[in-house]
Amino acid sequence: MEHIVIIGNGISGVTAARHIRKMSHHRITIISSETEHFFSRTALMYIYMGHMKYEHTKPYEDHFWAKNNLELKKGYVTRVVTEKQLLHFQDGETLHYDKLVIATGSKPNRFGWPGQDLEGVQGLYSFQDLENLERNAPNNEVCKRAVIVGGGLIGIELAEMLSTRKIPVTFLVREKSFWNGVLPKGESEMLNRHIQSHHIDLRLGTNLKEIRSEDNGKVQSIIIEETGEEITCDLVGLTAGVSPNIDFLKDSGIALGKGVKVNRFLETNVENIYAIGDCAEQQEPVGQRKAIEAVWYTGRMMGEVVAQTLCGNKMAYKPSHWFNSAKFFDIEYQTYGWVFSERHKKDYEKHFHWKHPNDTQCITAAYHKDSQKFLGINTFGIRMKHETFERWLNENRSVDHVIHHLKEANFDPEFYQSFEKDILTAYRNQKETATV
């Protein structure tokens, strides 16, 4: 019986453990320095907002792990000695493994800003970050203003969280428009307006220069690079993206790039060592996917795939069409296939864009300008069915087919009572204009 050790108890590591257990009687140990039990990281914001308690974010009862013979170890791994198949812990303990799965996730980016280690400066990724946020920003009396640095998904989540406690927020976004490296222009500009409508002080094209402190080592203010303006604040949220959490592997002999380098089978260069989830860097990315995919569902898929390999059914990681979802305050976002921003748009790519007059609902469909092949779609404020778009992408449907059959993808019947006719009219008008 082999001893399989998994470092990290996020969605990737826990999925791997569950599927290995379904198929084998191997000894399995899951290591985490964050929390004793697996919880839904995407639900962290709802704990702070009062919608959930920590207990509600745990998909499994605490007795689940012992019942399924899954060993849990709370500890921080400082070193992996691959020649001896040995893990060293911060407290001096060691643990032997036969096979090792690295699923250590991500950590918030820090770019060397002066003052970034002050009290009151934090990210929003781990459970400990949530605990720090409760201390740093329990209410608008203790935290009279917060500054968020970085215009991604974590930044917008933090802005929403703080706004529910009526804490004024200044949001520093380096780009000229929110998330414009990912979204087409119309969608990005709509989100600018939506963020501002929630009384967020959105500063576009703005960079952080430094964070200043009081004599007691606590954050007091920030300085804006472009203007030198000083903004007084009690909390600075650093949300300028994440990077793989792999510092402890630097002297291990495991090949590293930005993440842990893996092949299509999620194998590292060292025999019997694998990497999955946010920390894994694909040496041969699938299609137009990025080498590192810090996304919940891809982490889950990698956990399922590596479990098959560890149980004797060697399997390659072959994800299907790209999809993702998020929430920007009260606007839900979904994407299926590929819809690129102006910055990354392909030469062959054209877009059909429709926006409702209420400025909170829109779609953008991408298609090949010559073949008219449907390439992908973004939806805001409108729920669509994943399986329908998966089928259309597999069938290489035309954009004309997709727009005329959107009703089949409708997840919310109320949507089509209001918008179907408008979308079709806008689409036909755009096509007619293009042929004139």
Protein backbone atom coordinates (compact mmCIF):
# COMPACT_ATOMS: atom_id res chain seq x y z
CA MET A 1 0.00 0.00 0.00
CA GLU A 2 1.53 3.28 -1.13
CA HIS A 3 1.53 6.47 0.92
CA ILE A 4 0.21 9.34 -1.21
CA VAL A 5 0.82 12.76 0.32
CA ILE A 6 -1.02 15.84 -0.94
CA ILE A 7 0.27 19.28 0.05
CA GLY A 8 -2.71 21.64 0.02
CA ASN A 9 -6.33 21.10 1.00
CA GLY A 10 -8.00 23.35 -1.57
CA ILE A 11 -10.32 22.16 -4.32
CA SER A 12 -7.47 20.52 -6.28
CA GLY A 13 -5.93 18.56 -3.44
CA VAL A 14 -9.20 17.47 -1.86
CA THR A 15 -10.67 16.41 -5.21
CA ALA A 16 -7.57 14.29 -5.85
CA ALA A 17 -7.83 12.70 -2.41
CA ARG A 18 -11.53 11.90 -2.77
CA HIS A 19 -11.11 10.27 -6.17
CA ILE A 20 -8.03 8.30 -5.12
CA ARG A 21 -10.00 6.96 -2.19
CA LYS A 22 -12.90 5.94 -4.45
CA MET A 23 -10.53 3.84 -6.55
CA SER A 24 -7.97 2.52 -4.05
CA HIS A 25 -6.99 1.66 -0.50
CA HIS A 26 -3.78 3.71 -0.57
CA ARG A 27 -2.81 5.61 2.53
CA ILE A 28 -3.62 9.28 1.87
CA THR A 29 -2.40 12.27 3.89
CA ILE A 30 -3.61 15.81 3.17
CA ILE A 31 -1.42 18.62 4.53
CA SER A 32 -2.52 22.21 5.09
CA SER A 33 -1.15 25.12 7.10
CA GLU A 34 -4.27 27.21 6.47
CA THR A 35 -7.24 25.38 7.99
CA GLU A 36 -7.78 21.93 9.41
CA HIS A 37 -10.64 21.15 7.05
CA PHE A 38 -11.40 21.90 3.43
CA PHE A 39 -13.66 24.89 2.83
CA SER A 40 -14.97 26.75 -0.21
CA ARG A 41 -12.52 29.56 -0.84
CA THR A 42 -14.96 31.34 -3.14
CA ALA A 43 -17.33 31.72 -0.17
CA LEU A 44 -14.87 33.72 1.97
CA MET A 45 -16.50 37.00 0.99
CA TYR A 46 -19.92 35.81 2.15
CA ILE A 47 -18.63 35.11 5.65
CA TYR A 48 -17.48 38.71 5.98
CA MET A 49 -20.73 39.99 4.46
CA GLY A 50 -22.75 38.04 7.02
CA HIS A 51 -24.49 35.71 4.57
CA MET A 52 -22.68 32.59 5.80
CA LYS A 53 -20.66 31.25 8.71
CA TYR A 54 -17.39 29.39 8.30
CA GLU A 55 -19.16 26.09 9.10
CA HIS A 56 -21.45 26.67 6.12
CA THR A 57 -18.47 26.83 3.72
CA LYS A 58 -17.29 23.29 4.53
CA PRO A 59 -18.82 20.90 1.97
CA TYR A 60 -18.17 17.89 4.21
CA GLU A 61 -18.85 17.22 7.87
CA ASP A 62 -15.73 17.06 10.02
CA HIS A 63 -16.18 13.31 10.52
CA PHE A 64 -16.09 12.72 6.73
CA TRP A 65 -12.29 12.54 6.64
CA ALA A 66 -11.81 9.86 9.29
CA LYS A 67 -14.80 7.91 7.96
CA ASN A 68 -13.10 7.76 4.55
CA ASN A 69 -9.66 7.03 6.00
CA LEU A 70 -8.21 10.36 4.85
CA GLU A 71 -5.50 11.59 7.21
CA LEU A 72 -5.36 15.34 7.84
CA LYS A 73 -2.16 17.01 9.01
CA LYS A 74 -1.98 20.67 9.99
CA GLY A 75 1.50 21.93 9.24
CA TYR A 76 3.70 24.06 7.01
CA VAL A 77 6.09 22.26 4.65
CA THR A 78 9.40 24.10 4.38
CA ARG A 79 11.39 21.67 2.26
CA VAL A 80 10.98 18.67 -0.03
CA VAL A 81 13.94 16.26 -0.16
CA THR A 82 13.18 14.37 -3.33
CA GLU A 83 16.10 11.91 -3.07
CA LYS A 84 14.74 10.61 0.23
CA GLN A 85 11.06 11.21 -0.57
CA LEU A 86 10.84 13.25 2.62
CA LEU A 87 8.98 16.38 3.68
CA HIS A 88 10.36 18.75 6.33
CA PHE A 89 7.96 20.85 8.40
CA GLN A 90 8.41 24.19 10.08
CA ASP A 91 8.12 22.57 13.52
CA GLY A 92 10.96 20.12 12.78
CA GLU A 93 8.80 17.11 11.96
CA THR A 94 9.31 15.02 8.83
CA LEU A 95 7.00 12.82 6.75
CA HIS A 96 7.84 10.16 4.17
CA TYR A 97 5.87 9.78 0.96
CA ASP A 98 5.78 7.29 -1.89
CA LYS A 99 4.01 9.66 -4.22
CA LEU A 100 3.60 13.40 -3.77
CA VAL A 101 0.96 15.76 -5.15
CA ILE A 102 1.74 19.48 -4.89
CA ALA A 103 -1.50 21.48 -4.71
CA THR A 104 -0.38 24.56 -2.79
CA GLY A 105 -2.41 27.11 -4.75
CA SER A 106 -1.53 30.79 -5.01
CA LYS A 107 -0.39 33.73 -2.93
CA PRO A 108 -1.16 37.45 -3.43
CA ASN A 109 1.35 39.38 -5.54
CA ARG A 110 3.53 41.94 -3.80
CA PHE A 111 5.60 44.17 -6.02
CA GLY A 112 8.01 45.64 -3.49
CA TRP A 113 5.98 48.72 -2.65
CA PRO A 114 7.43 50.67 0.29
CA GLY A 115 5.26 49.91 3.31
CA GLN A 116 3.65 46.77 1.91
CA ASP A 117 4.41 44.84 5.11
CA LEU A 118 2.79 47.34 7.47
CA GLU A 119 -0.06 46.39 9.78
CA GLY A 120 -3.32 46.97 7.94
CA VAL A 121 -1.91 45.95 4.55
CA GLN A 122 -3.19 42.59 3.34
CA GLY A 123 -4.42 40.43 0.49
CA LEU A 124 -7.65 38.46 0.19
CA TYR A 125 -6.92 34.83 -0.57
CA SER A 126 -6.62 32.71 2.56
CA PHE A 127 -8.75 32.15 5.63
CA GLN A 128 -6.10 34.06 7.58
CA ASP A 129 -6.66 37.02 5.25
CA LEU A 130 -10.33 36.96 6.21
CA GLU A 131 -9.41 36.94 9.91
CA ASN A 132 -7.07 39.90 9.31
CA LEU A 133 -9.83 41.76 7.51
CA GLU A 134 -12.13 41.34 10.50
CA ARG A 135 -9.42 42.91 12.67
CA ASN A 136 -8.43 45.65 10.24
CA ALA A 137 -11.90 46.61 8.99
CA PRO A 138 -14.61 45.45 11.41
CA ASN A 139 -16.68 48.59 10.77
CA ASN A 140 -16.50 52.16 9.44
CA GLU A 141 -15.46 53.55 12.81
CA VAL A 142 -12.24 51.54 13.01
CA CYS A 143 -11.68 51.70 9.25
CA LYS A 144 -12.68 55.12 7.99
CA ARG A 145 -11.39 54.46 4.46
CA ALA A 146 -9.88 51.53 2.58
CA VAL A 147 -7.70 51.62 -0.53
CA ILE A 148 -7.71 48.64 -2.88
CA VAL A 149 -4.79 48.21 -5.27
CA GLY A 150 -5.40 46.08 -8.35
CA GLY A 151 -8.34 45.84 -10.73
CA GLY A 152 -9.08 42.14 -10.92
CA LEU A 153 -11.73 39.79 -9.58
CA ILE A 154 -10.34 39.72 -6.04
CA GLY A 155 -10.25 43.51 -5.95
CA ILE A 156 -13.90 43.86 -6.93
CA GLU A 157 -14.87 41.22 -4.35
CA LEU A 158 -13.06 43.15 -1.62
CA ALA A 159 -14.72 46.40 -2.71
CA GLU A 160 -18.15 44.77 -2.44
CA MET A 161 -17.32 43.27 0.96
CA LEU A 162 -16.19 46.56 2.44
CA SER A 163 -19.12 48.47 0.97
CA THR A 164 -21.56 46.19 2.84
CA ARG A 165 -20.11 47.58 6.08
CA LYS A 166 -20.34 51.12 4.73
CA ILE A 167 -16.58 51.55 4.62
CA PRO A 168 -15.59 54.12 1.95
CA VAL A 169 -13.37 52.58 -0.73
CA THR A 170 -10.85 54.06 -3.13
CA PHE A 171 -10.04 51.59 -5.90
CA LEU A 172 -6.71 52.03 -7.72
CA VAL A 173 -6.74 50.38 -11.16
CA ARG A 174 -3.61 50.56 -13.29
CA GLU A 175 -5.50 50.04 -16.56
CA LYS A 176 -7.42 52.80 -18.33
CA SER A 177 -10.62 50.79 -17.93
CA PHE A 178 -11.55 48.05 -15.45
CA TRP A 179 -10.36 44.56 -16.50
CA ASN A 180 -9.78 45.75 -20.05
CA GLY A 181 -7.01 43.21 -20.51
CA VAL A 182 -9.71 40.52 -20.37
CA LEU A 183 -12.94 42.14 -21.51
CA PRO A 184 -13.93 43.91 -24.74
CA LYS A 185 -14.31 47.69 -24.51
CA GLY A 186 -18.11 47.86 -24.15
CA GLU A 187 -18.18 45.43 -21.23
CA SER A 188 -15.24 47.00 -19.44
CA GLU A 189 -16.73 50.48 -19.71
CA MET A 190 -20.10 49.21 -18.46
CA LEU A 191 -18.35 47.82 -15.37
CA ASN A 192 -16.61 51.16 -14.78
CA ARG A 193 -20.01 52.80 -14.51
CA HIS A 194 -21.44 49.98 -12.41
CA ILE A 195 -18.60 50.16 -9.87
CA GLN A 196 -19.00 53.93 -9.57
CA SER A 197 -22.76 53.54 -9.12
CA HIS A 198 -21.98 51.66 -5.90
CA HIS A 199 -20.19 54.76 -4.55
CA ILE A 200 -16.69 53.34 -5.08
CA ASP A 201 -14.01 55.97 -5.72
CA LEU A 202 -12.67 54.31 -8.88
CA ARG A 203 -9.29 55.69 -10.01
CA LEU A 204 -8.45 54.40 -13.49
CA GLY A 205 -4.94 54.64 -14.93
CA THR A 206 -3.61 54.99 -11.38
CA ASN A 207 -0.64 53.29 -9.70
CA LEU A 208 0.42 52.96 -6.09
CA LYS A 209 3.76 54.59 -5.24
CA GLU A 210 4.10 53.85 -1.53
CA ILE A 211 2.24 53.07 1.68
CA ARG A 212 2.97 55.32 4.65
CA SER A 213 2.67 54.52 8.34
CA GLU A 214 2.09 56.01 11.71
CA ASP A 215 4.79 55.72 14.35
CA ASN A 216 3.20 52.48 15.56
CA GLY A 217 3.80 50.66 12.28
CA LYS A 218 0.20 50.77 11.12
CA VAL A 219 -0.85 52.03 7.71
CA GLN A 220 -1.81 55.69 7.67
CA SER A 221 -2.03 56.64 3.99
CA ILE A 222 -0.96 55.83 0.43
CA ILE A 223 0.71 57.97 -2.22
CA ILE A 224 -0.41 57.87 -5.83
CA GLU A 225 2.47 57.59 -8.28
CA GLU A 226 1.11 59.79 -11.08
CA THR A 227 0.04 62.82 -9.02
CA GLY A 228 1.70 62.46 -5.63
CA GLU A 229 -1.74 62.69 -4.00
CA GLU A 230 -1.89 61.31 -0.47
CA ILE A 231 -5.01 59.38 0.55
CA THR A 232 -5.55 58.73 4.24
CA CYS A 233 -6.69 55.18 4.96
CA ASP A 234 -6.77 52.46 7.61
CA LEU A 235 -6.65 49.46 5.28
CA VAL A 236 -4.79 48.72 2.06
CA GLY A 237 -5.97 45.68 0.11
CA LEU A 238 -3.30 44.35 -2.24
CA THR A 239 -5.25 42.52 -4.93
CA ALA A 240 -2.97 42.90 -7.94
CA GLY A 241 -3.27 39.26 -8.92
CA VAL A 242 -1.79 36.08 -7.49
CA SER A 243 1.18 33.85 -8.26
CA PRO A 244 1.91 30.18 -7.54
CA ASN A 245 2.80 29.38 -3.93
CA ILE A 246 6.05 27.50 -4.60
CA ASP A 247 8.81 29.23 -2.61
CA PHE A 248 9.38 26.14 -0.46
CA LEU A 249 10.37 24.14 -3.56
CA LYS A 250 13.29 26.30 -4.73
CA ASP A 251 16.03 23.88 -3.63
CA SER A 252 14.11 20.67 -4.22
CA GLY A 253 15.29 19.81 -7.73
CA ILE A 254 11.71 20.06 -8.97
CA ALA A 255 11.64 22.11 -12.18
CA LEU A 256 10.06 25.52 -11.60
CA GLY A 257 9.07 28.40 -13.82
CA LYS A 258 6.38 30.75 -12.65
CA GLY A 259 4.81 27.60 -11.22
CA VAL A 260 5.68 23.91 -10.89
CA LYS A 261 6.35 22.72 -14.43
CA VAL A 262 4.21 19.75 -15.46
CA ASN A 263 3.49 17.79 -18.62
CA ARG A 264 0.04 16.85 -19.92
CA PHE A 265 -0.11 14.08 -17.31
CA LEU A 266 0.55 16.63 -14.53
CA GLU A 267 3.91 14.98 -13.84
CA THR A 268 6.92 17.02 -12.75
CA ASN A 269 10.49 16.26 -13.81
CA VAL A 270 10.91 14.17 -10.64
CA GLU A 271 9.46 10.68 -10.64
CA ASN A 272 6.37 10.18 -8.43
CA ILE A 273 5.83 13.92 -7.94
CA TYR A 274 2.85 15.71 -9.50
CA ALA A 275 1.44 19.26 -9.37
CA ILE A 276 -2.16 20.39 -9.83
CA GLY A 277 -4.29 23.52 -9.53
CA ASP A 278 -3.12 27.12 -9.32
CA CYS A 279 0.52 26.19 -8.67
CA ALA A 280 0.89 23.97 -11.76
CA GLU A 281 2.45 25.40 -14.93
CA GLN A 282 1.56 23.51 -18.10
CA GLN A 283 4.57 23.09 -20.37
CA GLU A 284 2.16 22.37 -23.23
CA PRO A 285 -0.93 24.50 -22.61
CA VAL A 286 -4.11 23.19 -24.21
CA GLY A 287 -5.32 25.34 -27.11
CA GLN A 288 -5.40 29.03 -26.18
CA ARG A 289 -5.42 28.36 -22.44
CA LYS A 290 -2.75 29.95 -20.26
CA ALA A 291 0.07 27.87 -18.81
CA ILE A 292 -1.19 28.65 -15.30
CA GLU A 293 -4.94 28.49 -14.74
CA ALA A 294 -5.88 29.89 -11.34
CA VAL A 295 -9.52 28.88 -11.71
CA TRP A 296 -11.67 26.74 -9.40
CA TYR A 297 -13.04 24.34 -11.99
CA THR A 298 -9.69 23.63 -13.67
CA GLY A 299 -8.23 22.82 -10.26
CA ARG A 300 -11.04 20.35 -9.67
CA MET A 301 -10.49 18.77 -13.11
CA MET A 302 -6.75 18.38 -12.48
CA GLY A 303 -7.52 16.67 -9.17
CA GLU A 304 -9.77 14.17 -10.94
CA VAL A 305 -7.17 13.51 -13.66
CA VAL A 306 -4.18 13.00 -11.37
CA ALA A 307 -6.22 10.61 -9.21
CA GLN A 308 -6.73 8.38 -12.24
CA THR A 309 -3.00 8.32 -12.94
CA LEU A 310 -2.12 7.58 -9.30
CA CYS A 311 -4.54 4.65 -9.36
CA GLY A 312 -3.01 3.02 -12.44
CA ASN A 313 -5.11 4.60 -15.20
CA LYS A 314 -2.67 7.12 -16.67
CA MET A 315 -4.65 10.06 -17.94
CA ALA A 316 -3.75 13.33 -19.65
CA TYR A 317 -5.24 16.67 -18.65
CA LYS A 318 -7.48 17.57 -21.59
CA PRO A 319 -9.88 20.31 -20.61
CA SER A 320 -12.63 21.17 -23.08
CA HIS A 321 -13.76 24.66 -24.07
CA TRP A 322 -12.85 27.53 -21.76
CA PHE A 323 -15.51 28.80 -19.42
CA ASN A 324 -15.58 30.90 -16.28
CA SER A 325 -17.94 32.93 -14.13
CA ALA A 326 -17.71 35.77 -11.65
CA LYS A 327 -19.74 38.51 -10.02
CA PHE A 328 -19.24 42.28 -10.15
CA PHE A 329 -21.38 43.58 -7.29
CA ASP A 330 -24.85 42.53 -8.49
CA ILE A 331 -23.93 41.76 -12.12
CA GLU A 332 -23.22 38.10 -12.83
CA TYR A 333 -20.70 37.27 -15.57
CA GLN A 334 -20.25 34.11 -17.64
CA THR A 335 -17.89 33.34 -20.50
CA TYR A 336 -17.82 30.35 -22.84
CA GLY A 337 -15.17 29.79 -25.50
CA TRP A 338 -12.92 32.73 -26.35
CA VAL A 339 -13.87 36.40 -26.43
CA PHE A 340 -10.72 38.50 -26.37
CA SER A 341 -10.23 42.09 -25.31
CA GLU A 342 -9.14 44.74 -27.82
CA ARG A 343 -5.57 44.30 -26.59
CA HIS A 344 -5.53 40.54 -27.31
CA LYS A 345 -8.08 40.28 -30.11
CA LYS A 346 -7.09 37.97 -32.96
CA ASP A 347 -6.85 39.23 -36.54
CA TYR A 348 -9.72 36.98 -37.60
CA GLU A 349 -11.98 37.82 -34.66
CA LYS A 350 -15.11 39.97 -34.89
CA HIS A 351 -17.60 40.82 -32.17
CA PHE A 352 -21.33 41.33 -31.97
CA HIS A 353 -22.16 43.41 -28.88
CA TRP A 354 -25.59 44.13 -27.42
CA LYS A 355 -26.30 46.14 -24.26
CA HIS A 356 -29.61 46.76 -22.56
CA PRO A 357 -30.52 50.42 -21.91
CA ASN A 358 -30.41 49.71 -18.15
CA ASP A 359 -26.59 49.46 -18.51
CA THR A 360 -26.34 46.29 -16.43
CA GLN A 361 -27.02 43.55 -18.99
CA CYS A 362 -25.12 42.79 -22.17
CA ILE A 363 -23.69 40.05 -24.35
CA THR A 364 -20.68 39.91 -26.66
CA ALA A 365 -20.42 37.09 -29.19
CA ALA A 366 -17.10 36.46 -30.93
CA TYR A 367 -16.91 34.86 -34.38
CA HIS A 368 -14.51 34.30 -37.29
CA LYS A 369 -14.85 37.16 -39.77
CA ASP A 370 -14.51 34.85 -42.80
CA SER A 371 -16.13 31.56 -41.85
CA GLN A 372 -18.65 33.12 -39.43
CA LYS A 373 -17.78 30.30 -37.00
CA PHE A 374 -18.92 31.00 -33.43
CA LEU A 375 -15.87 31.37 -31.15
CA GLY A 376 -17.33 32.32 -27.79
CA ILE A 377 -19.66 34.53 -25.79
CA ASN A 378 -19.61 36.77 -22.72
CA THR A 379 -22.81 37.45 -20.83
CA PHE A 380 -23.40 40.04 -18.10
CA GLY A 381 -26.54 40.03 -15.99
CA ILE A 382 -27.90 37.12 -18.04
CA ARG A 383 -27.61 33.45 -17.11
CA MET A 384 -26.93 30.92 -19.86
CA LYS A 385 -26.58 27.11 -19.91
CA HIS A 386 -23.04 25.76 -20.00
CA GLU A 387 -23.94 22.50 -21.76
CA THR A 388 -25.65 24.34 -24.64
CA PHE A 389 -22.61 26.46 -25.48
CA GLU A 390 -20.34 23.45 -25.02
CA ARG A 391 -22.40 21.63 -27.65
CA TRP A 392 -22.44 24.56 -30.09
CA LEU A 393 -18.68 24.98 -29.81
CA ASN A 394 -18.16 21.26 -30.39
CA GLU A 395 -20.48 21.38 -33.39
CA ASN A 396 -18.65 24.40 -34.88
CA ARG A 397 -21.91 26.31 -35.19
CA SER A 398 -22.06 29.69 -36.90
CA VAL A 399 -22.65 32.89 -34.99
CA ASP A 400 -25.89 33.27 -36.94
CA HIS A 401 -27.12 29.93 -35.58
CA VAL A 402 -26.15 30.82 -32.02
CA ILE A 403 -27.84 34.22 -31.98
CA HIS A 404 -31.01 32.86 -33.58
CA HIS A 405 -31.16 29.94 -31.13
CA LEU A 406 -30.12 31.69 -27.91
CA LYS A 407 -33.43 30.66 -26.41
CA GLU A 408 -32.07 27.11 -26.16
CA ALA A 409 -29.31 28.38 -23.87
CA ASN A 410 -31.65 30.41 -21.70
CA PHE A 411 -31.29 29.66 -17.99
CA ASP A 412 -33.69 32.39 -16.90
CA PRO A 413 -37.10 32.52 -18.65
CA GLU A 414 -37.60 36.16 -17.65
CA PHE A 415 -34.61 37.13 -19.78
CA TYR A 416 -36.32 36.23 -23.06
CA GLN A 417 -39.56 37.95 -22.23
CA SER A 418 -37.59 41.20 -22.28
CA PHE A 419 -34.52 40.95 -24.48
CA GLU A 420 -34.75 38.32 -27.22
CA LYS A 421 -36.34 40.58 -29.79
CA ASP A 422 -33.90 43.41 -29.05
CA ILE A 423 -30.86 41.14 -29.41
CA LEU A 424 -32.04 39.74 -32.74
CA THR A 425 -32.85 43.21 -34.07
CA ALA A 426 -29.44 44.54 -33.03
CA TYR A 427 -27.71 41.54 -34.59
CA ARG A 428 -29.56 41.89 -37.91
CA ASN A 429 -28.86 45.62 -38.01
CA GLN A 430 -25.16 45.04 -37.41
CA LYS A 431 -24.98 42.42 -40.15
CA GLU A 432 -26.84 44.66 -42.61
CA THR A 433 -24.53 47.58 -41.80
CA ALA A 434 -21.47 45.37 -42.33
CA THR A 435 -22.64 44.36 -45.83
CA VAL A 436 -23.40 47.89 -47.04
